[in-house]
Amino acid sequence: MKLPHWIPWLLIACTLALAGCGKSDQSAAAGTANALDATKFRPAFASASPEIKTIVDNVMMAIQASIYKDALAGLDKLAARPDLSEPQQKVVADLTEQVKKKMATLTP
C-alpha cells in the first residue's frame, strides 16, 4: 500500500507547529516577570484629597498606556507632597522603583 505524497508534509507541519508552542510559554512568562504591580497603589489613596486622586489617576493611566516617563513624573509629584502618610509614601516609592526598572529594560 502506497501512502499519499502529502502525508509526510503533514507530519512535518505538525512537528514544527508543536515545536513552536514551547517558545510562546517562555515569552509569556518573561512578559509577566516585567509586569508592574500597582495593586496597592490606588487603594492607598482611597481617602485622599481630590487633587491627589487626580495625580493617582494620571499615574495609573500613564502606566496602562505604557507612558512610563509620565507615570514617573506623577510619582515624583506625589513623593514631593509632605501630606502623604507613611504607607502612601511606601507605595509611591515601591511603584517608582518598579517603573524605573521597567524603563531600564525598555531602553537599549
PDB file of N, CA and C in Angstrom:
ATOM      1  N   MET A   1       0.836  -1.163   0.000  1.00  0.00           N
ATOM      2  CA  MET A   1       0.000   0.000   0.000  1.00  0.00           C
ATOM      3  C   MET A   1       0.894   1.243   0.000  1.00  0.00           C
ATOM      4  N   LYS A   2       0.610   2.146  -0.896  1.00  0.00           N
ATOM      5  CA  LYS A   2       1.416   3.349  -1.055  1.00  0.00           C
ATOM      6  C   LYS A   2       0.725   4.527  -0.357  1.00  0.00           C
ATOM      7  N   LEU A   3       1.513   5.276   0.459  1.00  0.00           N
ATOM      8  CA  LEU A   3       0.981   6.437   1.165  1.00  0.00           C
ATOM      9  C   LEU A   3       0.870   7.610   0.204  1.00  0.00           C
ATOM     10  N   PRO A   4      -0.166   8.439   0.388  1.00  0.00           N
ATOM     11  CA  PRO A   4      -0.237   9.647  -0.435  1.00  0.00           C
ATOM     12  C   PRO A   4       0.958  10.557  -0.149  1.00  0.00           C
ATOM     13  N   HIS A   5       1.370  11.304  -1.134  1.00  0.00           N
ATOM     14  CA  HIS A   5       2.568  12.134  -1.035  1.00  0.00           C
ATOM     15  C   HIS A   5       2.424  13.300  -0.049  1.00  0.00           C
ATOM     16  N   TRP A   6       1.243  13.663   0.358  1.00  0.00           N
ATOM     17  CA  TRP A   6       1.054  14.800   1.249  1.00  0.00           C
ATOM     18  C   TRP A   6       1.161  14.438   2.726  1.00  0.00           C
ATOM     19  N   ILE A   7       1.121  13.158   3.085  1.00  0.00           N
ATOM     20  CA  ILE A   7       1.172  12.735   4.488  1.00  0.00           C
ATOM     21  C   ILE A   7       2.511  13.099   5.146  1.00  0.00           C
ATOM     22  N   PRO A   8       3.669  12.881   4.514  1.00  0.00           N
ATOM     23  CA  PRO A   8       4.917  13.299   5.178  1.00  0.00           C
ATOM     24  C   PRO A   8       4.971  14.814   5.426  1.00  0.00           C
ATOM     25  N   TRP A   9       4.427  15.588   4.492  1.00  0.00           N
ATOM     26  CA  TRP A   9       4.416  17.040   4.671  1.00  0.00           C
ATOM     27  C   TRP A   9       3.507  17.446   5.823  1.00  0.00           C
ATOM     28  N   LEU A  10       2.414  16.734   5.976  1.00  0.00           N
ATOM     29  CA  LEU A  10       1.513  16.994   7.088  1.00  0.00           C
ATOM     30  C   LEU A  10       2.194  16.695   8.420  1.00  0.00           C
ATOM     31  N   LEU A  11       2.943  15.600   8.483  1.00  0.00           N
ATOM     32  CA  LEU A  11       3.669  15.255   9.707  1.00  0.00           C
ATOM     33  C   LEU A  11       4.747  16.292  10.025  1.00  0.00           C
ATOM     34  N   ILE A  12       5.433  16.788   9.023  1.00  0.00           N
ATOM     35  CA  ILE A  12       6.459  17.819   9.226  1.00  0.00           C
ATOM     36  C   ILE A  12       5.806  19.110   9.739  1.00  0.00           C
ATOM     37  N   ALA A  13       4.678  19.490   9.157  1.00  0.00           N
ATOM     38  CA  ALA A  13       3.989  20.712   9.576  1.00  0.00           C
ATOM     39  C   ALA A  13       3.514  20.595  11.025  1.00  0.00           C
ATOM     40  N   CYS A  14       2.983  19.445  11.402  1.00  0.00           N
ATOM     41  CA  CYS A  14       2.534  19.242  12.788  1.00  0.00           C
ATOM     42  C   CYS A  14       3.706  19.288  13.760  1.00  0.00           C
ATOM     43  N   THR A  15       4.821  18.700  13.372  1.00  0.00           N
ATOM     44  CA  THR A  15       6.002  18.702  14.230  1.00  0.00           C
ATOM     45  C   THR A  15       6.507  20.126  14.445  1.00  0.00           C
ATOM     46  N   LEU A  16       6.563  20.923  13.383  1.00  0.00           N
ATOM     47  CA  LEU A  16       7.006  22.309  13.509  1.00  0.00           C
ATOM     48  C   LEU A  16       6.038  23.134  14.342  1.00  0.00           C
ATOM     49  N   ALA A  17       4.756  22.882  14.196  1.00  0.00           N
ATOM     50  CA  ALA A  17       3.764  23.628  14.973  1.00  0.00           C
ATOM     51  C   ALA A  17       3.901  23.320  16.455  1.00  0.00           C
ATOM     52  N   LEU A  18       4.118  22.071  16.784  1.00  0.00           N
ATOM     53  CA  LEU A  18       4.270  21.695  18.186  1.00  0.00           C
ATOM     54  C   LEU A  18       5.591  22.181  18.764  1.00  0.00           C
ATOM     55  N   ALA A  19       6.622  22.244  17.966  1.00  0.00           N
ATOM     56  CA  ALA A  19       7.914  22.727  18.442  1.00  0.00           C
ATOM     57  C   ALA A  19       7.851  24.215  18.779  1.00  0.00           C
ATOM     58  N   GLY A  20       7.052  24.972  18.079  1.00  0.00           N
ATOM     59  CA  GLY A  20       6.916  26.398  18.338  1.00  0.00           C
ATOM     60  C   GLY A  20       6.095  26.712  19.570  1.00  0.00           C
ATOM     61  N   CYS A  21       5.304  25.779  20.049  1.00  0.00           N
ATOM     62  CA  CYS A  21       4.456  26.040  21.207  1.00  0.00           C
ATOM     63  C   CYS A  21       5.260  26.285  22.478  1.00  0.00           C
ATOM     64  N   GLY A  22       6.373  25.641  22.670  1.00  0.00           N
ATOM     65  CA  GLY A  22       7.177  25.815  23.870  1.00  0.00           C
ATOM     66  C   GLY A  22       7.760  27.204  23.978  1.00  0.00           C
ATOM     67  N   LYS A  23       8.040  27.836  22.873  1.00  0.00           N
ATOM     68  CA  LYS A  23       8.620  29.177  22.890  1.00  0.00           C
ATOM     69  C   LYS A  23       7.614  30.208  23.380  1.00  0.00           C
ATOM     70  N   SER A  24       6.350  30.068  23.034  1.00  0.00           N
ATOM     71  CA  SER A  24       5.363  31.054  23.458  1.00  0.00           C
ATOM     72  C   SER A  24       5.155  30.999  24.965  1.00  0.00           C
ATOM     73  N   ASP A  25       5.282  29.850  25.591  1.00  0.00           N
ATOM     74  CA  ASP A  25       5.166  29.755  27.044  1.00  0.00           C
ATOM     75  C   ASP A  25       6.291  30.506  27.724  1.00  0.00           C
ATOM     76  N   GLN A  26       7.487  30.420  27.185  1.00  0.00           N
ATOM     77  CA  GLN A  26       8.627  31.104  27.779  1.00  0.00           C
ATOM     78  C   GLN A  26       8.486  32.615  27.639  1.00  0.00           C
ATOM     79  N   SER A  27       8.027  33.083  26.490  1.00  0.00           N
ATOM     80  CA  SER A  27       7.892  34.522  26.299  1.00  0.00           C
ATOM     81  C   SER A  27       6.761  35.078  27.146  1.00  0.00           C
ATOM     82  N   ALA A  28       5.716  34.304  27.380  1.00  0.00           N
ATOM     83  CA  ALA A  28       4.636  34.758  28.242  1.00  0.00           C
ATOM     84  C   ALA A  28       5.115  34.881  29.679  1.00  0.00           C
ATOM     85  N   ALA A  29       5.936  33.956  30.117  1.00  0.00           N
ATOM     86  CA  ALA A  29       6.476  34.030  31.474  1.00  0.00           C
ATOM     87  C   ALA A  29       7.405  35.225  31.615  1.00  0.00           C
ATOM     88  N   ALA A  30       8.176  35.523  30.590  1.00  0.00           N
ATOM     89  CA  ALA A  30       9.071  36.674  30.633  1.00  0.00           C
ATOM     90  C   ALA A  30       8.269  37.971  30.646  1.00  0.00           C
ATOM     91  N   GLY A  31       7.144  38.001  29.948  1.00  0.00           N
ATOM     92  CA  GLY A  31       6.307  39.196  29.928  1.00  0.00           C
ATOM     93  C   GLY A  31       5.689  39.488  31.273  1.00  0.00           C
ATOM     94  N   THR A  32       5.282  38.465  32.007  1.00  0.00           N
ATOM     95  CA  THR A  32       4.702  38.696  33.317  1.00  0.00           C
ATOM     96  C   THR A  32       5.759  39.034  34.348  1.00  0.00           C
ATOM     97  N   ALA A  33       6.992  38.629  34.117  1.00  0.00           N
ATOM     98  CA  ALA A  33       8.061  38.960  35.060  1.00  0.00           C
ATOM     99  C   ALA A  33       8.353  40.457  35.034  1.00  0.00           C
ATOM    100  N   ASN A  34       8.098  41.116  33.906  1.00  0.00           N
ATOM    101  CA  ASN A  34       8.349  42.546  33.782  1.00  0.00           C
ATOM    102  C   ASN A  34       7.107  43.389  34.066  1.00  0.00           C
ATOM    103  N   ALA A  35       6.021  42.752  34.461  1.00  0.00           N
ATOM    104  CA  ALA A  35       4.785  43.476  34.717  1.00  0.00           C
ATOM    105  C   ALA A  35       4.902  44.299  35.997  1.00  0.00           C
ATOM    106  N   LEU A  36       4.221  45.433  36.004  1.00  0.00           N
ATOM    107  CA  LEU A  36       4.211  46.295  37.178  1.00  0.00           C
ATOM    108  C   LEU A  36       3.088  45.869  38.113  1.00  0.00           C
ATOM    109  N   ASP A  37       3.356  45.868  39.394  1.00  0.00           N
ATOM    110  CA  ASP A  37       2.344  45.523  40.394  1.00  0.00           C
ATOM    111  C   ASP A  37       1.879  46.801  41.075  1.00  0.00           C
ATOM    112  N   ALA A  38       0.777  47.335  40.594  1.00  0.00           N
ATOM    113  CA  ALA A  38       0.227  48.571  41.143  1.00  0.00           C
ATOM    114  C   ALA A  38      -1.065  48.303  41.910  1.00  0.00           C
ATOM    115  N   THR A  39      -1.238  47.083  42.387  1.00  0.00           N
ATOM    116  CA  THR A  39      -2.484  46.714  43.056  1.00  0.00           C
ATOM    117  C   THR A  39      -2.689  47.451  44.372  1.00  0.00           C
ATOM    118  N   LYS A  40      -1.622  47.860  45.031  1.00  0.00           N
ATOM    119  CA  LYS A  40      -1.746  48.554  46.316  1.00  0.00           C
ATOM    120  C   LYS A  40      -1.734  50.065  46.157  1.00  0.00           C
ATOM    121  N   PHE A  41      -1.452  50.526  44.937  1.00  0.00           N
ATOM    122  CA  PHE A  41      -1.270  51.963  44.723  1.00  0.00           C
ATOM    123  C   PHE A  41      -2.572  52.742  44.894  1.00  0.00           C
ATOM    124  N   ARG A  42      -3.585  52.426  44.112  1.00  0.00           N
ATOM    125  CA  ARG A  42      -4.838  53.181  44.162  1.00  0.00           C
ATOM    126  C   ARG A  42      -5.552  53.038  45.515  1.00  0.00           C
ATOM    127  N   PRO A  43      -5.624  51.826  46.096  1.00  0.00           N
ATOM    128  CA  PRO A  43      -6.286  51.712  47.407  1.00  0.00           C
ATOM    129  C   PRO A  43      -5.605  52.535  48.508  1.00  0.00           C
ATOM    130  N   ALA A  44      -4.318  52.763  48.403  1.00  0.00           N
ATOM    131  CA  ALA A  44      -3.617  53.549  49.419  1.00  0.00           C
ATOM    132  C   ALA A  44      -4.087  55.003  49.431  1.00  0.00           C
ATOM    133  N   PHE A  45      -4.679  55.453  48.331  1.00  0.00           N
ATOM    134  CA  PHE A  45      -5.120  56.838  48.215  1.00  0.00           C
ATOM    135  C   PHE A  45      -6.644  56.952  48.159  1.00  0.00           C
ATOM    136  N   ALA A  46      -7.347  55.972  48.682  1.00  0.00           N
ATOM    137  CA  ALA A  46      -8.810  55.967  48.627  1.00  0.00           C
ATOM    138  C   ALA A  46      -9.418  57.150  49.376  1.00  0.00           C
ATOM    139  N   SER A  47      -8.807  57.564  50.467  1.00  0.00           N
ATOM    140  CA  SER A  47      -9.365  58.669  51.256  1.00  0.00           C
ATOM    141  C   SER A  47      -8.579  59.967  51.057  1.00  0.00           C
ATOM    142  N   ALA A  48      -7.825  60.059  49.985  1.00  0.00           N
ATOM    143  CA  ALA A  48      -7.000  61.250  49.731  1.00  0.00           C
ATOM    144  C   ALA A  48      -7.848  62.390  49.176  1.00  0.00           C
ATOM    145  N   SER A  49      -7.247  63.556  49.106  1.00  0.00           N
ATOM    146  CA  SER A  49      -7.927  64.731  48.563  1.00  0.00           C
ATOM    147  C   SER A  49      -8.141  64.557  47.056  1.00  0.00           C
ATOM    148  N   PRO A  50      -9.091  65.305  46.489  1.00  0.00           N
ATOM    149  CA  PRO A  50      -9.331  65.200  45.042  1.00  0.00           C
ATOM    150  C   PRO A  50      -8.095  65.526  44.203  1.00  0.00           C
ATOM    151  N   GLU A  51      -7.290  66.451  44.683  1.00  0.00           N
ATOM    152  CA  GLU A  51      -6.070  66.823  43.949  1.00  0.00           C
ATOM    153  C   GLU A  51      -5.105  65.637  43.861  1.00  0.00           C
ATOM    154  N   ILE A  52      -4.926  64.944  44.965  1.00  0.00           N
ATOM    155  CA  ILE A  52      -4.037  63.775  44.983  1.00  0.00           C
ATOM    156  C   ILE A  52      -4.638  62.646  44.165  1.00  0.00           C
ATOM    157  N   LYS A  53      -5.949  62.457  44.254  1.00  0.00           N
ATOM    158  CA  LYS A  53      -6.605  61.397  43.473  1.00  0.00           C
ATOM    159  C   LYS A  53      -6.438  61.636  41.978  1.00  0.00           C
ATOM    160  N   THR A  54      -6.433  62.900  41.569  1.00  0.00           N
ATOM    161  CA  THR A  54      -6.217  63.221  40.155  1.00  0.00           C
ATOM    162  C   THR A  54      -4.820  62.796  39.716  1.00  0.00           C
ATOM    163  N   ILE A  55      -3.831  63.057  40.551  1.00  0.00           N
ATOM    164  CA  ILE A  55      -2.463  62.645  40.228  1.00  0.00           C
ATOM    165  C   ILE A  55      -2.368  61.124  40.170  1.00  0.00           C
ATOM    166  N   VAL A  56      -3.004  60.452  41.125  1.00  0.00           N
ATOM    167  CA  VAL A  56      -3.004  58.981  41.158  1.00  0.00           C
ATOM    168  C   VAL A  56      -3.644  58.434  39.891  1.00  0.00           C
ATOM    169  N   ASP A  57      -4.776  59.011  39.489  1.00  0.00           N
ATOM    170  CA  ASP A  57      -5.446  58.560  38.257  1.00  0.00           C
ATOM    171  C   ASP A  57      -4.563  58.774  37.033  1.00  0.00           C
ATOM    172  N   ASN A  58      -3.876  59.903  36.979  1.00  0.00           N
ATOM    173  CA  ASN A  58      -2.982  60.179  35.847  1.00  0.00           C
ATOM    174  C   ASN A  58      -1.820  59.183  35.800  1.00  0.00           C
ATOM    175  N   VAL A  59      -1.287  58.835  36.967  1.00  0.00           N
ATOM    176  CA  VAL A  59      -0.206  57.850  37.027  1.00  0.00           C
ATOM    177  C   VAL A  59      -0.707  56.503  36.516  1.00  0.00           C
ATOM    178  N   MET A  60      -1.881  56.094  36.973  1.00  0.00           N
ATOM    179  CA  MET A  60      -2.426  54.800  36.542  1.00  0.00           C
ATOM    180  C   MET A  60      -2.701  54.779  35.040  1.00  0.00           C
ATOM    181  N   MET A  61      -3.235  55.863  34.500  1.00  0.00           N
ATOM    182  CA  MET A  61      -3.485  55.916  33.060  1.00  0.00           C
ATOM    183  C   MET A  61      -2.182  55.867  32.268  1.00  0.00           C
ATOM    184  N   ALA A  62      -1.157  56.542  32.768  1.00  0.00           N
ATOM    185  CA  ALA A  62       0.139  56.520  32.084  1.00  0.00           C
ATOM    186  C   ALA A  62       0.742  55.118  32.108  1.00  0.00           C
ATOM    187  N   ILE A  63       0.592  54.415  33.220  1.00  0.00           N
ATOM    188  CA  ILE A  63       1.106  53.041  33.305  1.00  0.00           C
ATOM    189  C   ILE A  63       0.351  52.134  32.350  1.00  0.00           C
ATOM    190  N   GLN A  64      -0.960  52.270  32.313  1.00  0.00           N
ATOM    191  CA  GLN A  64      -1.763  51.439  31.415  1.00  0.00           C
ATOM    192  C   GLN A  64      -1.449  51.721  29.951  1.00  0.00           C
ATOM    193  N   ALA A  65      -1.074  52.957  29.645  1.00  0.00           N
ATOM    194  CA  ALA A  65      -0.729  53.319  28.270  1.00  0.00           C
ATOM    195  C   ALA A  65       0.755  53.109  27.971  1.00  0.00           C
ATOM    196  N   SER A  66       1.496  52.590  28.952  1.00  0.00           N
ATOM    197  CA  SER A  66       2.939  52.350  28.830  1.00  0.00           C
ATOM    198  C   SER A  66       3.715  53.637  28.567  1.00  0.00           C
ATOM    199  N   ILE A  67       3.247  54.728  29.127  1.00  0.00           N
ATOM    200  CA  ILE A  67       3.955  56.007  29.048  1.00  0.00           C
ATOM    201  C   ILE A  67       4.636  56.199  30.403  1.00  0.00           C
ATOM    202  N   TYR A  68       5.745  55.503  30.570  1.00  0.00           N
ATOM    203  CA  TYR A  68       6.388  55.421  31.873  1.00  0.00           C
ATOM    204  C   TYR A  68       7.033  56.729  32.304  1.00  0.00           C
ATOM    205  N   LYS A  69       7.414  57.553  31.363  1.00  0.00           N
ATOM    206  CA  LYS A  69       8.005  58.856  31.697  1.00  0.00           C
ATOM    207  C   LYS A  69       6.968  59.722  32.407  1.00  0.00           C
ATOM    208  N   ASP A  70       5.736  59.720  31.906  1.00  0.00           N
ATOM    209  CA  ASP A  70       4.661  60.487  32.542  1.00  0.00           C
ATOM    210  C   ASP A  70       4.287  59.882  33.890  1.00  0.00           C
ATOM    211  N   ALA A  71       4.294  58.567  33.972  1.00  0.00           N
ATOM    212  CA  ALA A  71       3.991  57.904  35.245  1.00  0.00           C
ATOM    213  C   ALA A  71       5.027  58.278  36.298  1.00  0.00           C
ATOM    214  N   LEU A  72       6.277  58.290  35.897  1.00  0.00           N
ATOM    215  CA  LEU A  72       7.354  58.644  36.820  1.00  0.00           C
ATOM    216  C   LEU A  72       7.245  60.102  37.263  1.00  0.00           C
ATOM    217  N   ALA A  73       6.843  60.969  36.353  1.00  0.00           N
ATOM    218  CA  ALA A  73       6.661  62.384  36.708  1.00  0.00           C
ATOM    219  C   ALA A  73       5.543  62.535  37.742  1.00  0.00           C
ATOM    220  N   GLY A  74       4.455  61.809  37.556  1.00  0.00           N
ATOM    221  CA  GLY A  74       3.359  61.856  38.525  1.00  0.00           C
ATOM    222  C   GLY A  74       3.758  61.276  39.865  1.00  0.00           C
ATOM    223  N   LEU A  75       4.521  60.202  39.840  1.00  0.00           N
ATOM    224  CA  LEU A  75       5.003  59.606  41.086  1.00  0.00           C
ATOM    225  C   LEU A  75       5.951  60.558  41.812  1.00  0.00           C
ATOM    226  N   ASP A  76       6.752  61.287  41.066  1.00  0.00           N
ATOM    227  CA  ASP A  76       7.644  62.281  41.683  1.00  0.00           C
ATOM    228  C   ASP A  76       6.838  63.406  42.339  1.00  0.00           C
ATOM    229  N   LYS A  77       5.722  63.815  41.685  1.00  0.00           N
ATOM    230  CA  LYS A  77       4.853  64.830  42.282  1.00  0.00           C
ATOM    231  C   LYS A  77       4.283  64.338  43.601  1.00  0.00           C
ATOM    232  N   LEU A  78       3.854  63.083  43.603  1.00  0.00           N
ATOM    233  CA  LEU A  78       3.300  62.517  44.838  1.00  0.00           C
ATOM    234  C   LEU A  78       4.357  62.414  45.928  1.00  0.00           C
ATOM    235  N   ALA A  79       5.550  61.974  45.557  1.00  0.00           N
ATOM    236  CA  ALA A  79       6.618  61.803  46.539  1.00  0.00           C
ATOM    237  C   ALA A  79       7.025  63.131  47.168  1.00  0.00           C
ATOM    238  N   ALA A  80       6.853  64.222  46.446  1.00  0.00           N
ATOM    239  CA  ALA A  80       7.242  65.533  46.949  1.00  0.00           C
ATOM    240  C   ALA A  80       6.202  66.139  47.887  1.00  0.00           C
ATOM    241  N   ARG A  81       5.039  65.531  47.971  1.00  0.00           N
ATOM    242  CA  ARG A  81       3.982  66.074  48.832  1.00  0.00           C
ATOM    243  C   ARG A  81       4.256  65.726  50.289  1.00  0.00           C
ATOM    244  N   PRO A  82       4.237  66.720  51.167  1.00  0.00           N
ATOM    245  CA  PRO A  82       4.513  66.464  52.578  1.00  0.00           C
ATOM    246  C   PRO A  82       3.338  65.855  53.338  1.00  0.00           C
ATOM    247  N   ASP A  83       2.137  65.903  52.759  1.00  0.00           N
ATOM    248  CA  ASP A  83       0.955  65.428  53.474  1.00  0.00           C
ATOM    249  C   ASP A  83       0.651  63.945  53.268  1.00  0.00           C
ATOM    250  N   LEU A  84       1.564  63.185  52.648  1.00  0.00           N
ATOM    251  CA  LEU A  84       1.347  61.748  52.461  1.00  0.00           C
ATOM    252  C   LEU A  84       1.642  60.996  53.752  1.00  0.00           C
ATOM    253  N   SER A  85       0.850  59.976  53.998  1.00  0.00           N
ATOM    254  CA  SER A  85       1.096  59.124  55.158  1.00  0.00           C
ATOM    255  C   SER A  85       2.266  58.179  54.867  1.00  0.00           C
ATOM    256  N   GLU A  86       2.729  57.505  55.889  1.00  0.00           N
ATOM    257  CA  GLU A  86       3.857  56.565  55.729  1.00  0.00           C
ATOM    258  C   GLU A  86       3.517  55.435  54.746  1.00  0.00           C
ATOM    259  N   PRO A  87       2.329  54.796  54.854  1.00  0.00           N
ATOM    260  CA  PRO A  87       2.004  53.750  53.868  1.00  0.00           C
ATOM    261  C   PRO A  87       1.919  54.282  52.441  1.00  0.00           C
ATOM    262  N   GLN A  88       1.410  55.498  52.287  1.00  0.00           N
ATOM    263  CA  GLN A  88       1.327  56.096  50.954  1.00  0.00           C
ATOM    264  C   GLN A  88       2.718  56.359  50.390  1.00  0.00           C
ATOM    265  N   GLN A  89       3.615  56.852  51.232  1.00  0.00           N
ATOM    266  CA  GLN A  89       4.984  57.093  50.789  1.00  0.00           C
ATOM    267  C   GLN A  89       5.656  55.795  50.360  1.00  0.00           C
ATOM    268  N   LYS A  90       5.396  54.710  51.108  1.00  0.00           N
ATOM    269  CA  LYS A  90       5.994  53.416  50.773  1.00  0.00           C
ATOM    270  C   LYS A  90       5.470  52.896  49.434  1.00  0.00           C
ATOM    271  N   VAL A  91       4.166  53.026  49.217  1.00  0.00           N
ATOM    272  CA  VAL A  91       3.568  52.556  47.959  1.00  0.00           C
ATOM    273  C   VAL A  91       4.116  53.361  46.784  1.00  0.00           C
ATOM    274  N   VAL A  92       4.257  54.662  46.956  1.00  0.00           N
ATOM    275  CA  VAL A  92       4.804  55.520  45.893  1.00  0.00           C
ATOM    276  C   VAL A  92       6.249  55.125  45.601  1.00  0.00           C
ATOM    277  N   ALA A  93       7.042  54.898  46.657  1.00  0.00           N
ATOM    278  CA  ALA A  93       8.448  54.526  46.461  1.00  0.00           C
ATOM    279  C   ALA A  93       8.569  53.171  45.764  1.00  0.00           C
ATOM    280  N   ASP A  94       7.730  52.206  46.162  1.00  0.00           N
ATOM    281  CA  ASP A  94       7.772  50.876  45.537  1.00  0.00           C
ATOM    282  C   ASP A  94       7.419  50.949  44.055  1.00  0.00           C
ATOM    283  N   LEU A  95       6.347  51.672  43.745  1.00  0.00           N
ATOM    284  CA  LEU A  95       5.928  51.773  42.343  1.00  0.00           C
ATOM    285  C   LEU A  95       6.938  52.566  41.525  1.00  0.00           C
ATOM    286  N   THR A  96       7.568  53.568  42.131  1.00  0.00           N
ATOM    287  CA  THR A  96       8.602  54.335  41.436  1.00  0.00           C
ATOM    288  C   THR A  96       9.761  53.428  41.043  1.00  0.00           C
ATOM    289  N   GLU A  97      10.181  52.569  41.945  1.00  0.00           N
ATOM    290  CA  GLU A  97      11.273  51.637  41.640  1.00  0.00           C
ATOM    291  C   GLU A  97      10.876  50.675  40.523  1.00  0.00           C
ATOM    292  N   GLN A  98       9.644  50.190  40.561  1.00  0.00           N
ATOM    293  CA  GLN A  98       9.181  49.280  39.507  1.00  0.00           C
ATOM    294  C   GLN A  98       9.172  49.971  38.148  1.00  0.00           C
ATOM    295  N   VAL A  99       8.699  51.213  38.116  1.00  0.00           N
ATOM    296  CA  VAL A  99       8.648  51.958  36.852  1.00  0.00           C
ATOM    297  C   VAL A  99      10.062  52.214  36.335  1.00  0.00           C
ATOM    298  N   LYS A 100      10.982  52.558  37.221  1.00  0.00           N
ATOM    299  CA  LYS A 100      12.370  52.788  36.802  1.00  0.00           C
ATOM    300  C   LYS A 100      12.988  51.516  36.233  1.00  0.00           C
ATOM    301  N   LYS A 101      12.722  50.377  36.868  1.00  0.00           N
ATOM    302  CA  LYS A 101      13.237  49.108  36.358  1.00  0.00           C
ATOM    303  C   LYS A 101      12.636  48.777  35.004  1.00  0.00           C
ATOM    304  N   LYS A 102      11.340  49.030  34.861  1.00  0.00           N
ATOM    305  CA  LYS A 102      10.659  48.780  33.583  1.00  0.00           C
ATOM    306  C   LYS A 102      11.256  49.656  32.496  1.00  0.00           C
ATOM    307  N   MET A 103      11.498  50.923  32.806  1.00  0.00           N
ATOM    308  CA  MET A 103      12.091  51.828  31.824  1.00  0.00           C
ATOM    309  C   MET A 103      13.501  51.383  31.447  1.00  0.00           C
ATOM    310  N   ALA A 104      14.242  50.858  32.409  1.00  0.00           N
ATOM    311  CA  ALA A 104      15.605  50.398  32.129  1.00  0.00           C
ATOM    312  C   ALA A 104      15.600  49.192  31.208  1.00  0.00           C
ATOM    313  N   THR A 105      14.594  48.328  31.322  1.00  0.00           N
ATOM    314  CA  THR A 105      14.545  47.158  30.443  1.00  0.00           C
ATOM    315  C   THR A 105      14.107  47.526  29.043  1.00  0.00           C
ATOM    316  N   LEU A 106      13.388  48.630  28.907  1.00  0.00           N
ATOM    317  CA  LEU A 106      12.897  49.034  27.589  1.00  0.00           C
ATOM    318  C   LEU A 106      13.901  49.863  26.817  1.00  0.00           C
ATOM    319  N   THR A 107      14.790  50.551  27.487  1.00  0.00           N
ATOM    320  CA  THR A 107      15.774  51.389  26.820  1.00  0.00           C
ATOM    321  C   THR A 107      16.982  50.551  26.403  1.00  0.00           C
ATOM    322  N   PRO A 108      17.363  50.667  25.141  1.00  0.00           N
ATOM    323  CA  PRO A 108      18.516  49.860  24.692  1.00  0.00           C
ATOM    324  C   PRO A 108      19.841  50.350  25.216  1.00  0.00           C
TER     325      PRO A 108
END
